[in-house]
């Protein structure tokens, strides 16, 4: 399976790597692992602002997490030159800007996890995961996700 054929069939065009908003780099490779810094959800090129449980519902949060997955894949492509080099999506960590009584962070994060599974397939795309509710994310974004991938 060619990852780029799958992306094309899903009408997904990978974005360029975003310029870091602070003192960090978008990715670091050590050995056969690539660590991606947290990517905030964007809508129309700007931070997708809002808080789950207040002014964003779970389905919209899932769309935001899906948008983050696309940005993460764009960064992976920039880091590796070829997404087909990925042997495994190892781990996804998701931060969901949410109210104290919102408890569907795991469902929001499915927007990212499900797209990674679609694009990379069930063997490569299945990953360990954490999903946390947080009081705030930089720029007021509703979701931030980081990722670790193994390459071959």
Protein backbone atom coordinates (compact mmCIF):
# COMPACT_ATOMS: atom_id res chain seq x y z
CA UNK A 1 0.00 0.00 0.00
CA UNK A 2 1.38 3.40 -0.99
CA UNK A 3 0.57 6.04 1.63
CA UNK A 4 0.41 8.81 -0.99
CA UNK A 5 -2.19 6.90 -3.02
CA UNK A 6 -4.31 6.58 0.11
CA UNK A 7 -3.95 10.30 0.86
CA UNK A 8 -4.96 11.13 -2.71
CA UNK A 9 -8.03 8.85 -2.47
CA UNK A 10 -9.04 10.73 0.70
CA UNK A 11 -8.50 14.12 -1.03
CA UNK A 12 -5.83 15.04 1.49
CA UNK A 13 -3.03 17.39 0.52
CA UNK A 14 -0.20 17.56 3.04
CA UNK A 15 0.69 21.03 4.29
CA UNK A 16 4.25 22.31 4.68
CA UNK A 17 5.85 22.21 8.12
CA UNK A 18 4.58 25.02 10.32
CA UNK A 19 7.10 27.46 11.73
CA UNK A 20 7.47 26.82 15.48
CA UNK A 21 5.71 29.37 17.68
CA UNK A 22 8.40 29.23 20.40
CA UNK A 23 11.88 27.84 21.17
CA UNK A 24 11.63 24.29 19.78
CA UNK A 25 11.97 22.34 16.54
CA UNK A 26 9.08 20.61 14.75
CA UNK A 27 10.70 17.16 14.90
CA UNK A 28 13.72 15.27 16.19
CA UNK A 29 14.98 11.95 14.89
CA UNK A 30 17.04 9.68 17.10
CA UNK A 31 17.86 6.22 15.86
CA UNK A 32 14.80 4.79 14.17
CA UNK A 33 12.33 7.02 16.02
CA UNK A 34 10.96 10.39 14.97
CA UNK A 35 9.40 12.58 17.67
CA UNK A 36 7.02 15.30 16.49
CA UNK A 37 6.41 18.34 18.66
CA UNK A 38 2.83 19.16 19.55
CA UNK A 39 0.76 20.50 16.66
CA UNK A 40 -2.27 22.66 17.47
CA UNK A 41 -5.48 22.34 15.52
CA UNK A 42 -5.85 24.88 12.74
CA UNK A 43 -8.85 26.05 10.79
CA UNK A 44 -8.42 28.32 7.77
CA UNK A 45 -4.71 28.65 8.58
CA UNK A 46 -5.23 29.95 12.12
CA UNK A 47 -5.50 28.28 15.52
CA UNK A 48 -8.84 26.44 15.84
CA UNK A 49 -9.89 28.28 18.99
CA UNK A 50 -12.39 26.97 21.50
CA UNK A 51 -13.02 24.76 24.47
CA UNK A 52 -14.70 21.37 24.44
CA UNK A 53 -17.73 21.34 26.70
CA UNK A 54 -18.14 25.10 26.37
CA UNK A 55 -18.33 26.23 22.73
CA UNK A 56 -17.14 23.16 20.79
CA UNK A 57 -18.87 19.77 20.79
CA UNK A 58 -17.29 16.34 20.39
CA UNK A 59 -17.90 15.98 16.61
CA UNK A 60 -16.25 19.36 15.93
CA UNK A 61 -13.41 18.39 18.25
CA UNK A 62 -12.95 15.20 16.23
CA UNK A 63 -12.66 17.29 13.06
CA UNK A 64 -10.04 19.45 14.77
CA UNK A 65 -8.08 16.35 15.81
CA UNK A 66 -8.32 15.05 12.22
CA UNK A 67 -6.91 18.36 10.99
CA UNK A 68 -4.01 17.95 13.42
CA UNK A 69 -3.34 14.44 12.02
CA UNK A 70 -3.00 15.95 8.54
CA UNK A 71 -0.52 18.53 9.84
CA UNK A 72 1.42 15.80 11.67
CA UNK A 73 1.68 13.79 8.45
CA UNK A 74 2.93 16.90 6.66
CA UNK A 75 5.68 17.23 9.25
CA UNK A 76 6.51 13.52 9.00
CA UNK A 77 6.80 13.90 5.23
CA UNK A 78 9.16 16.87 5.67
CA UNK A 79 11.22 14.94 8.23
CA UNK A 80 11.52 11.72 6.22
CA UNK A 81 10.96 12.64 2.59
CA UNK A 82 8.75 9.57 2.18
CA UNK A 83 5.87 8.51 4.43
CA UNK A 84 6.22 4.96 3.15
CA UNK A 85 9.35 4.70 5.35
CA UNK A 86 7.14 4.63 8.45
CA UNK A 87 7.13 1.18 10.04
CA UNK A 88 4.77 2.09 12.88
CA UNK A 89 2.95 5.00 14.43
CA UNK A 90 4.13 4.26 17.96
CA UNK A 91 2.36 6.79 20.17
CA UNK A 92 -0.05 9.71 20.00
CA UNK A 93 -0.52 12.10 22.90
CA UNK A 94 -3.50 14.42 22.73
CA UNK A 95 -4.29 17.49 24.81
CA UNK A 96 -7.90 18.63 24.61
CA UNK A 97 -8.79 22.14 25.80
CA UNK A 98 -11.86 21.28 27.83
CA UNK A 99 -14.05 22.25 30.72
CA UNK A 100 -13.71 20.43 34.02
CA UNK A 101 -16.83 18.37 33.41
CA UNK A 102 -16.06 17.36 29.79
CA UNK A 103 -15.12 13.66 29.68
CA UNK A 104 -14.93 12.78 25.97
CA UNK A 105 -11.26 13.63 25.31
CA UNK A 106 -10.75 10.05 24.09
CA UNK A 107 -13.53 10.46 21.53
CA UNK A 108 -12.14 13.78 20.32
CA UNK A 109 -8.73 12.16 19.84
CA UNK A 110 -10.31 9.44 17.70
CA UNK A 111 -10.43 12.05 14.93
CA UNK A 112 -6.64 11.79 14.73
CA UNK A 113 -6.28 8.09 15.49
CA UNK A 114 -8.87 6.96 12.97
CA UNK A 115 -7.31 8.98 10.15
CA UNK A 116 -3.83 7.61 10.94
CA UNK A 117 -5.31 4.10 10.80
CA UNK A 118 -6.96 4.84 7.46
CA UNK A 119 -3.83 6.29 5.91
CA UNK A 120 -1.23 3.85 7.24
CA UNK A 121 -3.39 0.73 7.60
CA UNK A 122 -4.20 -1.34 10.68
CA UNK A 123 -0.69 -2.70 11.26
CA UNK A 124 1.33 0.49 10.84
CA UNK A 125 -1.31 2.99 11.96
CA UNK A 126 -2.43 1.33 15.20
CA UNK A 127 -0.73 3.10 18.10
CA UNK A 128 -0.56 3.54 21.84
CA UNK A 129 -2.29 6.71 22.96
CA UNK A 130 -3.04 9.13 25.76
CA UNK A 131 -5.76 11.78 25.77
CA UNK A 132 -5.86 14.47 28.43
CA UNK A 133 -8.22 17.28 29.26
CA UNK A 134 -6.36 20.53 29.94
CA UNK A 135 -7.41 24.00 31.05
CA UNK A 136 -5.77 25.78 28.11
CA UNK A 137 -3.60 25.23 25.03
CA UNK A 138 -1.33 27.82 23.36
CA UNK A 139 -3.22 30.40 21.28
CA UNK A 140 -6.49 29.10 22.70
CA UNK A 141 -6.49 26.09 20.34
CA UNK A 142 -9.00 23.36 21.10
CA UNK A 143 -6.64 20.41 20.50
CA UNK A 144 -2.87 19.80 20.46
CA UNK A 145 -1.34 16.46 19.50
CA UNK A 146 2.19 15.08 19.42
CA UNK A 147 3.35 11.86 17.79
CA UNK A 148 6.17 9.32 17.83
CA UNK A 149 6.84 7.18 14.74
CA UNK A 150 9.25 4.35 13.99
CA UNK A 151 10.96 4.39 10.60
CA UNK A 152 12.63 1.70 8.55
